[in-house]
Amino acid sequence: MDNQHRITNEQEIEAVLGEPMEFVKVKIQTKHDDAMREFIRRAPLIFVATIDANGHVDVSPKGDPAGFVQIDDDGNLLIPERPGNKLTFGFRNILRNGEIGLIFVVPNQRETLRVKGLATLHKDPDIVDQMQVNGQPALMFTCVAVKECFFHCGKALIRSRLWKPEFWEVASESIGARGFASLRGKPSPDAVRATEKRLDESYRDELY
């Protein structure tokens, strides 16, 4: 890519995008308010960003029935962990660098909620038991001490048409299954179907 047009400083960013309006600057808070807490209670999906020891960023989705992220008496956010791929990139990052970023998503809400904080990992048996779904307690949980939170405007979700089913693509096969199958070389249609079948079985039998 030609570096002639590369942006290298904050002044150049502002020259392209402009400066934020005052009401946008003051929306950033150090603790969640009533509207934010309601948003958290209604969110079935969050995206979690962590940073490893080398400064590299990892982002992972976490999902459960709406309200799965709890708020304790001190205002900390408690995020349950369920069975997964066991790679634990995010958890290993938290052990080395507790800085964390969250985005909460609520169906049919155009805005999202952004949170920055400091994360720690816990396995308190009483709390993981309270986080059970389908009779299965959480395996552990992440506690996030909130340092910054604010609502993000809905333009990204409006542009993406995320909540408009009439614009959703109807896929005939799982792209992810094709990606997994290709790890062993160029996959045949049968290999893709077999991988998709194994994924479906895992999603059916190993969610909790």
N, C-alpha and C. Protein backbone atom coordinates (compact mmCIF):
# COMPACT_ATOMS: atom_id res chain seq x y z
N MET A 1 0.84 -1.19 0.00
CA MET A 1 0.00 0.00 0.00
C MET A 1 0.88 1.24 0.00
N ASP A 2 0.48 2.25 -0.78
CA ASP A 2 1.25 3.49 -0.90
C ASP A 2 1.18 4.27 0.41
N ASN A 3 2.34 4.53 1.03
CA ASN A 3 2.39 5.26 2.29
C ASN A 3 2.20 6.76 2.13
N GLN A 4 2.07 7.23 0.89
CA GLN A 4 1.90 8.66 0.66
C GLN A 4 0.67 9.19 1.36
N HIS A 5 -0.38 8.36 1.47
CA HIS A 5 -1.64 8.81 2.06
C HIS A 5 -1.87 8.19 3.45
N ARG A 6 -0.83 7.68 4.05
CA ARG A 6 -0.97 7.11 5.38
C ARG A 6 -1.18 8.20 6.42
N ILE A 7 -2.09 7.97 7.35
CA ILE A 7 -2.36 8.90 8.45
C ILE A 7 -1.45 8.53 9.61
N THR A 8 -0.69 9.51 10.12
CA THR A 8 0.34 9.21 11.10
C THR A 8 0.21 9.99 12.41
N ASN A 9 -0.77 10.88 12.52
CA ASN A 9 -0.90 11.63 13.78
C ASN A 9 -2.36 12.00 14.01
N GLU A 10 -2.66 12.47 15.22
CA GLU A 10 -4.04 12.77 15.60
C GLU A 10 -4.61 13.95 14.81
N GLN A 11 -3.76 14.90 14.48
CA GLN A 11 -4.23 16.05 13.72
C GLN A 11 -4.76 15.63 12.35
N GLU A 12 -4.08 14.67 11.74
CA GLU A 12 -4.54 14.19 10.43
C GLU A 12 -5.86 13.43 10.56
N ILE A 13 -6.04 12.71 11.66
CA ILE A 13 -7.32 12.04 11.88
C ILE A 13 -8.44 13.06 11.98
N GLU A 14 -8.22 14.10 12.78
CA GLU A 14 -9.25 15.13 12.97
C GLU A 14 -9.52 15.89 11.69
N ALA A 15 -8.49 16.04 10.84
CA ALA A 15 -8.69 16.73 9.57
C ALA A 15 -9.63 15.95 8.66
N VAL A 16 -9.62 14.63 8.77
CA VAL A 16 -10.50 13.79 7.95
C VAL A 16 -11.88 13.64 8.59
N LEU A 17 -11.91 13.37 9.90
CA LEU A 17 -13.16 13.01 10.57
C LEU A 17 -13.79 14.16 11.35
N GLY A 18 -13.04 15.20 11.64
CA GLY A 18 -13.55 16.30 12.46
C GLY A 18 -13.41 15.98 13.94
N GLU A 19 -13.77 16.92 14.79
CA GLU A 19 -13.71 16.73 16.24
C GLU A 19 -15.08 16.35 16.77
N PRO A 20 -15.14 15.55 17.83
CA PRO A 20 -16.44 15.14 18.38
C PRO A 20 -17.18 16.32 19.01
N MET A 21 -18.51 16.27 18.92
CA MET A 21 -19.32 17.30 19.56
C MET A 21 -19.22 17.17 21.07
N GLU A 22 -19.53 18.24 21.79
CA GLU A 22 -19.33 18.26 23.23
C GLU A 22 -20.16 17.19 23.93
N PHE A 23 -21.42 16.97 23.49
CA PHE A 23 -22.26 16.00 24.17
C PHE A 23 -21.73 14.58 23.99
N VAL A 24 -20.96 14.36 22.90
CA VAL A 24 -20.34 13.05 22.69
C VAL A 24 -19.18 12.87 23.65
N LYS A 25 -18.42 13.93 23.88
CA LYS A 25 -17.27 13.84 24.79
C LYS A 25 -17.73 13.52 26.22
N VAL A 26 -18.84 14.14 26.64
CA VAL A 26 -19.25 13.99 28.05
C VAL A 26 -20.04 12.71 28.30
N LYS A 27 -20.33 11.93 27.25
CA LYS A 27 -21.11 10.70 27.47
C LYS A 27 -20.29 9.61 28.14
N ILE A 28 -18.97 9.74 28.11
CA ILE A 28 -18.11 8.71 28.69
C ILE A 28 -18.14 8.83 30.21
N GLN A 29 -18.55 7.73 30.87
CA GLN A 29 -18.70 7.73 32.32
C GLN A 29 -17.76 6.71 32.96
N THR A 30 -17.57 6.85 34.26
CA THR A 30 -16.67 5.94 34.97
C THR A 30 -17.44 4.82 35.67
N LYS A 31 -18.76 4.85 35.64
CA LYS A 31 -19.57 3.77 36.18
C LYS A 31 -20.89 3.71 35.43
N HIS A 32 -21.54 2.56 35.45
CA HIS A 32 -22.76 2.39 34.67
C HIS A 32 -23.95 3.02 35.40
N ASP A 33 -24.85 3.60 34.60
CA ASP A 33 -26.07 4.19 35.14
C ASP A 33 -27.24 3.23 34.93
N ASP A 34 -28.46 3.69 35.23
CA ASP A 34 -29.63 2.82 35.14
C ASP A 34 -29.85 2.29 33.72
N ALA A 35 -29.69 3.17 32.72
CA ALA A 35 -29.90 2.74 31.34
C ALA A 35 -28.88 1.69 30.93
N MET A 36 -27.65 1.87 31.34
CA MET A 36 -26.60 0.90 31.02
C MET A 36 -26.86 -0.43 31.69
N ARG A 37 -27.31 -0.39 32.95
CA ARG A 37 -27.60 -1.64 33.65
C ARG A 37 -28.76 -2.39 32.99
N GLU A 38 -29.76 -1.65 32.51
CA GLU A 38 -30.86 -2.31 31.79
C GLU A 38 -30.34 -2.93 30.51
N PHE A 39 -29.46 -2.24 29.82
CA PHE A 39 -28.90 -2.76 28.57
C PHE A 39 -28.13 -4.05 28.85
N ILE A 40 -27.34 -4.07 29.92
CA ILE A 40 -26.59 -5.27 30.29
C ILE A 40 -27.53 -6.42 30.60
N ARG A 41 -28.63 -6.13 31.29
CA ARG A 41 -29.60 -7.18 31.64
C ARG A 41 -30.29 -7.75 30.41
N ARG A 42 -30.38 -6.98 29.35
CA ARG A 42 -31.07 -7.43 28.14
C ARG A 42 -30.14 -8.00 27.08
N ALA A 43 -28.83 -7.96 27.33
CA ALA A 43 -27.86 -8.37 26.31
C ALA A 43 -27.61 -9.89 26.35
N PRO A 44 -27.82 -10.59 25.22
CA PRO A 44 -27.50 -12.01 25.15
C PRO A 44 -26.13 -12.28 24.53
N LEU A 45 -25.44 -11.20 24.11
CA LEU A 45 -24.18 -11.36 23.40
C LEU A 45 -23.25 -10.21 23.73
N ILE A 46 -21.98 -10.56 24.01
CA ILE A 46 -20.95 -9.53 24.19
C ILE A 46 -19.71 -9.94 23.41
N PHE A 47 -18.88 -8.96 23.10
CA PHE A 47 -17.58 -9.20 22.51
C PHE A 47 -16.53 -8.74 23.51
N VAL A 48 -15.54 -9.60 23.75
CA VAL A 48 -14.55 -9.37 24.80
C VAL A 48 -13.17 -9.22 24.16
N ALA A 49 -12.52 -8.08 24.42
CA ALA A 49 -11.18 -7.84 23.91
C ALA A 49 -10.18 -7.88 25.06
N THR A 50 -9.10 -8.63 24.86
CA THR A 50 -8.03 -8.71 25.84
C THR A 50 -6.69 -8.48 25.13
N ILE A 51 -5.63 -8.28 25.91
CA ILE A 51 -4.32 -7.93 25.37
C ILE A 51 -3.28 -8.89 25.94
N ASP A 52 -2.45 -9.48 25.06
CA ASP A 52 -1.46 -10.42 25.57
C ASP A 52 -0.20 -9.70 26.02
N ALA A 53 0.79 -10.46 26.47
CA ALA A 53 2.00 -9.88 27.03
C ALA A 53 2.80 -9.08 26.01
N ASN A 54 2.57 -9.33 24.72
CA ASN A 54 3.28 -8.61 23.67
C ASN A 54 2.47 -7.45 23.09
N GLY A 55 1.30 -7.18 23.70
CA GLY A 55 0.47 -6.08 23.23
C GLY A 55 -0.46 -6.44 22.09
N HIS A 56 -0.55 -7.72 21.74
CA HIS A 56 -1.44 -8.16 20.68
C HIS A 56 -2.85 -8.35 21.23
N VAL A 57 -3.83 -7.97 20.44
CA VAL A 57 -5.22 -7.97 20.88
C VAL A 57 -5.94 -9.23 20.42
N ASP A 58 -6.78 -9.78 21.29
CA ASP A 58 -7.64 -10.91 20.96
C ASP A 58 -9.09 -10.50 21.26
N VAL A 59 -10.01 -10.87 20.39
CA VAL A 59 -11.43 -10.57 20.60
C VAL A 59 -12.22 -11.87 20.53
N SER A 60 -13.09 -12.09 21.51
CA SER A 60 -13.86 -13.33 21.59
C SER A 60 -15.32 -13.01 21.88
N PRO A 61 -16.27 -13.70 21.21
CA PRO A 61 -17.69 -13.52 21.56
C PRO A 61 -18.07 -14.39 22.74
N LYS A 62 -18.98 -13.89 23.56
CA LYS A 62 -19.57 -14.66 24.67
C LYS A 62 -21.08 -14.48 24.59
N GLY A 63 -21.81 -15.57 24.64
CA GLY A 63 -23.26 -15.48 24.53
C GLY A 63 -23.97 -16.46 25.44
N ASP A 64 -25.15 -16.07 25.89
CA ASP A 64 -25.99 -16.87 26.78
C ASP A 64 -27.37 -16.22 26.78
N PRO A 65 -28.34 -16.77 27.50
CA PRO A 65 -29.63 -16.09 27.62
C PRO A 65 -29.45 -14.66 28.14
N ALA A 66 -30.30 -13.77 27.68
CA ALA A 66 -30.20 -12.35 28.05
C ALA A 66 -30.07 -12.19 29.56
N GLY A 67 -29.15 -11.32 29.97
CA GLY A 67 -28.91 -11.09 31.38
C GLY A 67 -27.85 -11.99 31.97
N PHE A 68 -27.12 -12.71 31.13
CA PHE A 68 -26.13 -13.66 31.65
C PHE A 68 -24.96 -12.96 32.33
N VAL A 69 -24.68 -11.71 31.96
CA VAL A 69 -23.64 -10.95 32.66
C VAL A 69 -24.27 -10.33 33.91
N GLN A 70 -23.78 -10.71 35.07
CA GLN A 70 -24.32 -10.22 36.33
C GLN A 70 -23.59 -8.96 36.78
N ILE A 71 -24.26 -8.17 37.62
CA ILE A 71 -23.66 -6.99 38.22
C ILE A 71 -23.69 -7.19 39.72
N ASP A 72 -22.52 -7.19 40.36
CA ASP A 72 -22.49 -7.44 41.80
C ASP A 72 -22.73 -6.14 42.58
N ASP A 73 -22.71 -6.23 43.89
CA ASP A 73 -23.04 -5.08 44.75
C ASP A 73 -22.05 -3.93 44.60
N ASP A 74 -20.84 -4.24 44.12
CA ASP A 74 -19.83 -3.19 43.93
C ASP A 74 -19.84 -2.62 42.52
N GLY A 75 -20.77 -3.08 41.70
CA GLY A 75 -20.83 -2.58 40.32
C GLY A 75 -19.93 -3.32 39.35
N ASN A 76 -19.27 -4.38 39.81
CA ASN A 76 -18.43 -5.18 38.92
C ASN A 76 -19.31 -6.05 38.01
N LEU A 77 -18.82 -6.33 36.82
CA LEU A 77 -19.52 -7.20 35.88
C LEU A 77 -18.94 -8.61 35.98
N LEU A 78 -19.82 -9.60 36.08
CA LEU A 78 -19.41 -11.00 36.22
C LEU A 78 -19.84 -11.77 34.98
N ILE A 79 -18.86 -12.28 34.24
CA ILE A 79 -19.12 -12.94 32.96
C ILE A 79 -18.85 -14.43 33.09
N PRO A 80 -19.89 -15.28 32.98
CA PRO A 80 -19.68 -16.72 33.13
C PRO A 80 -18.96 -17.33 31.94
N GLU A 81 -18.26 -18.43 32.22
CA GLU A 81 -17.59 -19.18 31.15
C GLU A 81 -18.26 -20.54 31.00
N ARG A 82 -18.47 -20.95 29.75
CA ARG A 82 -19.10 -22.22 29.42
C ARG A 82 -18.10 -23.13 28.68
N PRO A 83 -18.47 -24.39 28.43
CA PRO A 83 -17.58 -25.26 27.66
C PRO A 83 -17.28 -24.66 26.29
N GLY A 84 -16.00 -24.73 25.88
CA GLY A 84 -15.59 -24.16 24.61
C GLY A 84 -14.43 -24.94 24.02
N ASN A 85 -13.60 -24.22 23.24
CA ASN A 85 -12.51 -24.91 22.55
C ASN A 85 -11.26 -25.12 23.41
N LYS A 86 -11.27 -24.57 24.62
CA LYS A 86 -10.20 -24.77 25.60
C LYS A 86 -8.87 -24.11 25.21
N LEU A 87 -8.89 -23.25 24.19
CA LEU A 87 -7.66 -22.54 23.85
C LEU A 87 -7.32 -21.46 24.89
N THR A 88 -8.34 -20.88 25.51
CA THR A 88 -8.20 -19.95 26.63
C THR A 88 -7.26 -18.78 26.34
N PHE A 89 -7.24 -18.29 25.11
CA PHE A 89 -6.39 -17.15 24.79
C PHE A 89 -6.71 -15.96 25.69
N GLY A 90 -8.00 -15.62 25.79
CA GLY A 90 -8.40 -14.45 26.56
C GLY A 90 -8.05 -14.57 28.03
N PHE A 91 -8.25 -15.75 28.61
CA PHE A 91 -7.96 -15.94 30.02
C PHE A 91 -6.46 -15.85 30.29
N ARG A 92 -5.67 -16.42 29.41
CA ARG A 92 -4.22 -16.32 29.57
C ARG A 92 -3.77 -14.86 29.46
N ASN A 93 -4.42 -14.12 28.57
CA ASN A 93 -4.11 -12.69 28.45
C ASN A 93 -4.42 -11.95 29.74
N ILE A 94 -5.58 -12.25 30.33
CA ILE A 94 -5.99 -11.56 31.56
C ILE A 94 -4.99 -11.82 32.68
N LEU A 95 -4.43 -13.02 32.75
CA LEU A 95 -3.44 -13.31 33.78
C LEU A 95 -2.20 -12.43 33.63
N ARG A 96 -1.89 -12.03 32.41
CA ARG A 96 -0.70 -11.24 32.16
C ARG A 96 -0.98 -9.75 32.05
N ASN A 97 -2.19 -9.42 31.61
CA ASN A 97 -2.57 -8.02 31.42
C ASN A 97 -4.08 -7.94 31.63
N GLY A 98 -4.51 -7.38 32.75
CA GLY A 98 -5.92 -7.41 33.10
C GLY A 98 -6.80 -6.42 32.35
N GLU A 99 -6.22 -5.58 31.51
CA GLU A 99 -7.04 -4.61 30.77
C GLU A 99 -7.99 -5.35 29.84
N ILE A 100 -9.27 -4.92 29.84
CA ILE A 100 -10.28 -5.61 29.05
C ILE A 100 -11.25 -4.61 28.45
N GLY A 101 -11.79 -4.94 27.27
CA GLY A 101 -12.81 -4.13 26.63
C GLY A 101 -14.00 -5.00 26.27
N LEU A 102 -15.21 -4.47 26.45
CA LEU A 102 -16.43 -5.21 26.17
C LEU A 102 -17.34 -4.39 25.27
N ILE A 103 -18.06 -5.08 24.40
CA ILE A 103 -19.17 -4.47 23.66
C ILE A 103 -20.40 -5.34 23.88
N PHE A 104 -21.46 -4.74 24.42
CA PHE A 104 -22.73 -5.43 24.66
C PHE A 104 -23.66 -5.16 23.48
N VAL A 105 -24.33 -6.23 23.02
CA VAL A 105 -25.26 -6.13 21.89
C VAL A 105 -26.62 -6.65 22.33
N VAL A 106 -27.68 -5.88 22.01
CA VAL A 106 -29.05 -6.28 22.32
C VAL A 106 -29.84 -6.32 21.01
N PRO A 107 -30.55 -7.42 20.72
CA PRO A 107 -31.33 -7.50 19.48
C PRO A 107 -32.29 -6.33 19.32
N ASN A 108 -32.32 -5.80 18.11
CA ASN A 108 -33.21 -4.70 17.72
C ASN A 108 -32.91 -3.39 18.42
N GLN A 109 -31.79 -3.30 19.12
CA GLN A 109 -31.30 -2.03 19.64
C GLN A 109 -30.17 -1.56 18.73
N ARG A 110 -30.28 -0.35 18.21
CA ARG A 110 -29.27 0.13 17.28
C ARG A 110 -27.98 0.51 17.98
N GLU A 111 -28.10 0.99 19.22
CA GLU A 111 -26.91 1.37 19.97
C GLU A 111 -26.26 0.13 20.60
N THR A 112 -24.98 0.22 20.89
CA THR A 112 -24.28 -0.80 21.67
C THR A 112 -23.70 -0.12 22.91
N LEU A 113 -23.27 -0.94 23.87
CA LEU A 113 -22.68 -0.42 25.10
C LEU A 113 -21.23 -0.85 25.15
N ARG A 114 -20.34 0.11 25.33
CA ARG A 114 -18.90 -0.16 25.40
C ARG A 114 -18.40 0.01 26.83
N VAL A 115 -17.57 -0.92 27.25
CA VAL A 115 -17.04 -0.90 28.61
C VAL A 115 -15.54 -1.18 28.57
N LYS A 116 -14.79 -0.41 29.34
CA LYS A 116 -13.37 -0.72 29.59
C LYS A 116 -13.20 -0.98 31.07
N GLY A 117 -12.31 -1.91 31.41
CA GLY A 117 -12.12 -2.20 32.81
C GLY A 117 -10.90 -3.03 33.08
N LEU A 118 -10.83 -3.50 34.31
CA LEU A 118 -9.73 -4.36 34.76
C LEU A 118 -10.32 -5.70 35.16
N ALA A 119 -9.83 -6.78 34.55
CA ALA A 119 -10.42 -8.11 34.71
C ALA A 119 -9.59 -9.01 35.61
N THR A 120 -10.29 -9.84 36.37
CA THR A 120 -9.68 -10.92 37.15
C THR A 120 -10.52 -12.18 36.96
N LEU A 121 -9.93 -13.34 37.21
CA LEU A 121 -10.59 -14.63 37.00
C LEU A 121 -10.92 -15.27 38.34
N HIS A 122 -12.09 -15.92 38.42
CA HIS A 122 -12.56 -16.46 39.69
C HIS A 122 -13.31 -17.78 39.48
N LYS A 123 -13.40 -18.59 40.56
CA LYS A 123 -14.15 -19.86 40.52
C LYS A 123 -14.96 -20.05 41.80
N ASP A 124 -15.45 -18.95 42.39
CA ASP A 124 -16.26 -19.02 43.61
C ASP A 124 -17.43 -19.97 43.39
N PRO A 125 -17.55 -21.06 44.15
CA PRO A 125 -18.58 -22.08 43.88
C PRO A 125 -20.00 -21.55 44.01
N ASP A 126 -20.24 -20.63 44.94
CA ASP A 126 -21.59 -20.09 45.09
C ASP A 126 -22.00 -19.27 43.87
N ILE A 127 -21.06 -18.50 43.34
CA ILE A 127 -21.38 -17.64 42.19
C ILE A 127 -21.53 -18.45 40.92
N VAL A 128 -20.62 -19.40 40.67
CA VAL A 128 -20.76 -20.20 39.44
C VAL A 128 -22.04 -21.01 39.47
N ASP A 129 -22.50 -21.41 40.66
CA ASP A 129 -23.76 -22.14 40.77
C ASP A 129 -24.95 -21.23 40.44
N GLN A 130 -24.87 -19.95 40.84
CA GLN A 130 -25.93 -19.00 40.51
C GLN A 130 -26.01 -18.74 39.01
N MET A 131 -24.92 -19.00 38.29
CA MET A 131 -24.85 -18.71 36.86
C MET A 131 -25.28 -19.90 36.00
N GLN A 132 -25.91 -20.89 36.60
CA GLN A 132 -26.22 -22.10 35.85
C GLN A 132 -27.29 -21.86 34.78
N VAL A 133 -27.16 -22.61 33.71
CA VAL A 133 -28.14 -22.66 32.63
C VAL A 133 -28.38 -24.13 32.31
N ASN A 134 -29.63 -24.50 32.14
CA ASN A 134 -29.99 -25.90 31.90
C ASN A 134 -29.43 -26.82 32.98
N GLY A 135 -29.40 -26.32 34.21
CA GLY A 135 -28.93 -27.11 35.33
C GLY A 135 -27.43 -27.24 35.43
N GLN A 136 -26.69 -26.56 34.55
CA GLN A 136 -25.24 -26.66 34.55
C GLN A 136 -24.63 -25.34 35.03
N PRO A 137 -23.83 -25.36 36.11
CA PRO A 137 -23.20 -24.13 36.57
C PRO A 137 -22.13 -23.66 35.60
N ALA A 138 -21.75 -22.40 35.72
CA ALA A 138 -20.62 -21.89 34.93
C ALA A 138 -19.35 -22.61 35.38
N LEU A 139 -18.37 -22.68 34.49
CA LEU A 139 -17.10 -23.32 34.83
C LEU A 139 -16.25 -22.39 35.70
N MET A 140 -16.32 -21.10 35.43
CA MET A 140 -15.59 -20.06 36.15
C MET A 140 -16.21 -18.74 35.70
N PHE A 141 -15.66 -17.63 36.13
CA PHE A 141 -16.19 -16.36 35.65
C PHE A 141 -15.10 -15.29 35.66
N THR A 142 -15.32 -14.29 34.83
CA THR A 142 -14.44 -13.12 34.77
C THR A 142 -15.12 -11.97 35.49
N CYS A 143 -14.40 -11.34 36.40
CA CYS A 143 -14.91 -10.17 37.12
C CYS A 143 -14.27 -8.93 36.50
N VAL A 144 -15.10 -7.99 36.07
CA VAL A 144 -14.59 -6.77 35.43
C VAL A 144 -14.92 -5.57 36.32
N ALA A 145 -13.89 -4.93 36.84
CA ALA A 145 -14.05 -3.67 37.56
C ALA A 145 -14.11 -2.56 36.52
N VAL A 146 -15.25 -1.90 36.42
CA VAL A 146 -15.50 -0.93 35.33
C VAL A 146 -14.69 0.34 35.55
N LYS A 147 -14.01 0.77 34.50
CA LYS A 147 -13.27 2.03 34.54
C LYS A 147 -13.87 3.08 33.61
N GLU A 148 -14.55 2.62 32.57
CA GLU A 148 -15.10 3.55 31.59
C GLU A 148 -16.24 2.87 30.85
N CYS A 149 -17.35 3.57 30.62
CA CYS A 149 -18.47 2.96 29.90
C CYS A 149 -19.28 4.06 29.21
N PHE A 150 -19.81 3.71 28.04
CA PHE A 150 -20.64 4.66 27.31
C PHE A 150 -21.40 3.95 26.20
N PHE A 151 -22.51 4.54 25.81
CA PHE A 151 -23.28 4.03 24.67
C PHE A 151 -22.64 4.49 23.38
N HIS A 152 -22.55 3.55 22.43
CA HIS A 152 -22.01 3.86 21.11
C HIS A 152 -23.20 4.04 20.17
N CYS A 153 -23.16 5.06 19.35
CA CYS A 153 -24.29 5.37 18.47
C CYS A 153 -24.56 4.22 17.51
N GLY A 154 -25.77 4.19 16.94
CA GLY A 154 -26.23 3.05 16.17
C GLY A 154 -25.90 3.05 14.69
N LYS A 155 -25.04 3.94 14.23
CA LYS A 155 -24.82 4.03 12.78
C LYS A 155 -24.24 2.75 12.19
N ALA A 156 -23.33 2.09 12.92
CA ALA A 156 -22.73 0.86 12.39
C ALA A 156 -23.79 -0.22 12.18
N LEU A 157 -24.69 -0.39 13.16
CA LEU A 157 -25.71 -1.41 13.02
C LEU A 157 -26.75 -1.03 11.99
N ILE A 158 -27.00 0.26 11.84
CA ILE A 158 -27.94 0.71 10.80
C ILE A 158 -27.34 0.43 9.42
N ARG A 159 -26.09 0.78 9.24
CA ARG A 159 -25.44 0.57 7.94
C ARG A 159 -25.35 -0.92 7.61
N SER A 160 -25.10 -1.74 8.63
CA SER A 160 -24.94 -3.18 8.39
C SER A 160 -26.26 -3.89 8.15
N ARG A 161 -27.39 -3.22 8.50
CA ARG A 161 -28.72 -3.83 8.40
C ARG A 161 -28.82 -5.12 9.21
N LEU A 162 -28.11 -5.15 10.34
CA LEU A 162 -28.02 -6.36 11.13
C LEU A 162 -29.37 -6.87 11.60
N TRP A 163 -30.26 -5.96 11.97
CA TRP A 163 -31.55 -6.38 12.52
C TRP A 163 -32.65 -6.41 11.46
N LYS A 164 -32.28 -6.45 10.18
CA LYS A 164 -33.26 -6.50 9.09
C LYS A 164 -33.15 -7.86 8.38
N PRO A 165 -33.97 -8.84 8.79
CA PRO A 165 -33.85 -10.20 8.21
C PRO A 165 -33.97 -10.23 6.69
N GLU A 166 -34.68 -9.27 6.12
CA GLU A 166 -34.85 -9.30 4.67
C GLU A 166 -33.54 -9.09 3.93
N PHE A 167 -32.52 -8.60 4.63
CA PHE A 167 -31.21 -8.41 4.00
C PHE A 167 -30.20 -9.49 4.39
N TRP A 168 -30.64 -10.46 5.20
CA TRP A 168 -29.71 -11.52 5.60
C TRP A 168 -29.47 -12.47 4.45
N GLU A 169 -28.22 -12.90 4.29
CA GLU A 169 -27.89 -13.90 3.29
C GLU A 169 -28.28 -15.28 3.81
N VAL A 170 -28.89 -16.06 2.95
CA VAL A 170 -29.27 -17.42 3.32
C VAL A 170 -28.18 -18.36 2.80
N ALA A 171 -27.32 -18.82 3.70
CA ALA A 171 -26.20 -19.67 3.31
C ALA A 171 -26.65 -21.12 3.21
N SER A 172 -26.15 -21.83 2.20
CA SER A 172 -26.51 -23.23 2.03
C SER A 172 -25.58 -24.16 2.79
N GLU A 173 -24.42 -23.65 3.18
CA GLU A 173 -23.48 -24.46 3.96
C GLU A 173 -22.76 -23.57 4.96
N SER A 174 -22.18 -24.17 5.97
CA SER A 174 -21.43 -23.43 6.97
C SER A 174 -20.06 -23.05 6.43
N ILE A 175 -19.79 -21.76 6.35
CA ILE A 175 -18.46 -21.31 5.91
C ILE A 175 -17.41 -21.74 6.92
N GLY A 176 -17.79 -21.70 8.22
CA GLY A 176 -16.86 -22.14 9.25
C GLY A 176 -16.50 -23.61 9.10
N ALA A 177 -17.50 -24.45 8.77
CA ALA A 177 -17.21 -25.87 8.56
C ALA A 177 -16.24 -26.05 7.41
N ARG A 178 -16.40 -25.28 6.35
CA ARG A 178 -15.47 -25.37 5.23
C ARG A 178 -14.07 -24.95 5.67
N GLY A 179 -14.01 -23.90 6.53
CA GLY A 179 -12.72 -23.45 7.03
C GLY A 179 -12.03 -24.51 7.88
N PHE A 180 -12.80 -25.16 8.78
CA PHE A 180 -12.22 -26.22 9.61
C PHE A 180 -11.75 -27.40 8.75
N ALA A 181 -12.58 -27.77 7.78
CA ALA A 181 -12.24 -28.91 6.94
C ALA A 181 -10.99 -28.64 6.11
N SER A 182 -10.76 -27.38 5.75
CA SER A 182 -9.60 -27.04 4.91
C SER A 182 -8.28 -27.13 5.67
N LEU A 183 -8.33 -27.27 6.99
CA LEU A 183 -7.09 -27.39 7.76
C LEU A 183 -6.33 -28.65 7.40
N ARG A 184 -6.99 -29.61 6.79
CA ARG A 184 -6.35 -30.85 6.37
C ARG A 184 -6.13 -30.90 4.87
N GLY A 185 -6.13 -29.75 4.24
CA GLY A 185 -5.97 -29.69 2.80
C GLY A 185 -7.26 -29.25 2.14
N LYS A 186 -7.24 -29.20 0.82
CA LYS A 186 -8.43 -28.77 0.09
C LYS A 186 -9.58 -29.73 0.38
N PRO A 187 -10.67 -29.21 0.98
CA PRO A 187 -11.74 -30.13 1.41
C PRO A 187 -12.67 -30.53 0.27
N SER A 188 -13.11 -31.77 0.34
CA SER A 188 -14.14 -32.23 -0.59
C SER A 188 -15.50 -31.84 -0.03
N PRO A 189 -16.54 -31.83 -0.87
CA PRO A 189 -17.89 -31.56 -0.36
C PRO A 189 -18.28 -32.51 0.76
N ASP A 190 -17.88 -33.78 0.65
CA ASP A 190 -18.20 -34.75 1.71
C ASP A 190 -17.49 -34.38 3.02
N ALA A 191 -16.26 -33.92 2.93
CA ALA A 191 -15.52 -33.55 4.13
C ALA A 191 -16.16 -32.34 4.81
N VAL A 192 -16.63 -31.40 4.01
CA VAL A 192 -17.30 -30.22 4.57
C VAL A 192 -18.59 -30.63 5.26
N ARG A 193 -19.36 -31.49 4.63
CA ARG A 193 -20.62 -31.95 5.23
C ARG A 193 -20.35 -32.72 6.53
N ALA A 194 -19.31 -33.54 6.54
CA ALA A 194 -18.98 -34.30 7.75
C ALA A 194 -18.55 -33.37 8.88
N THR A 195 -17.77 -32.34 8.55
CA THR A 195 -17.35 -31.36 9.55
C THR A 195 -18.54 -30.59 10.09
N GLU A 196 -19.44 -30.20 9.19
CA GLU A 196 -20.63 -29.48 9.64
C GLU A 196 -21.49 -30.34 10.55
N LYS A 197 -21.57 -31.64 10.24
CA LYS A 197 -22.33 -32.56 11.08
C LYS A 197 -21.72 -32.65 12.48
N ARG A 198 -20.38 -32.73 12.55
CA ARG A 198 -19.72 -32.79 13.86
C ARG A 198 -19.92 -31.50 14.64
N LEU A 199 -19.88 -30.37 13.94
CA LEU A 199 -20.14 -29.10 14.61
C LEU A 199 -21.56 -29.05 15.15
N ASP A 200 -22.52 -29.47 14.34
CA ASP A 200 -23.92 -29.46 14.78
C ASP A 200 -24.11 -30.33 16.03
N GLU A 201 -23.44 -31.48 16.05
CA GLU A 201 -23.55 -32.36 17.22
C GLU A 201 -22.95 -31.69 18.46
N SER A 202 -21.82 -31.00 18.27
CA SER A 202 -21.20 -30.30 19.39
C SER A 202 -22.09 -29.17 19.89
N TYR A 203 -22.69 -28.43 18.96
CA TYR A 203 -23.58 -27.33 19.35
C TYR A 203 -24.82 -27.86 20.08
N ARG A 204 -25.27 -29.04 19.70
CA ARG A 204 -26.45 -29.62 20.30
C ARG A 204 -26.16 -30.22 21.68
N ASP A 205 -25.01 -30.88 21.81
CA ASP A 205 -24.75 -31.70 23.01
C ASP A 205 -23.78 -31.06 24.01
N GLU A 206 -23.05 -30.02 23.63
CA GLU A 206 -21.97 -29.53 24.48
C GLU A 206 -22.05 -28.03 24.77
N LEU A 207 -23.24 -27.45 24.71
CA LEU A 207 -23.35 -26.01 25.01
C LEU A 207 -23.13 -25.73 26.48
N TYR A 208 -23.63 -26.62 27.36
CA TYR A 208 -23.54 -26.39 28.81
C TYR A 208 -23.04 -27.65 29.50
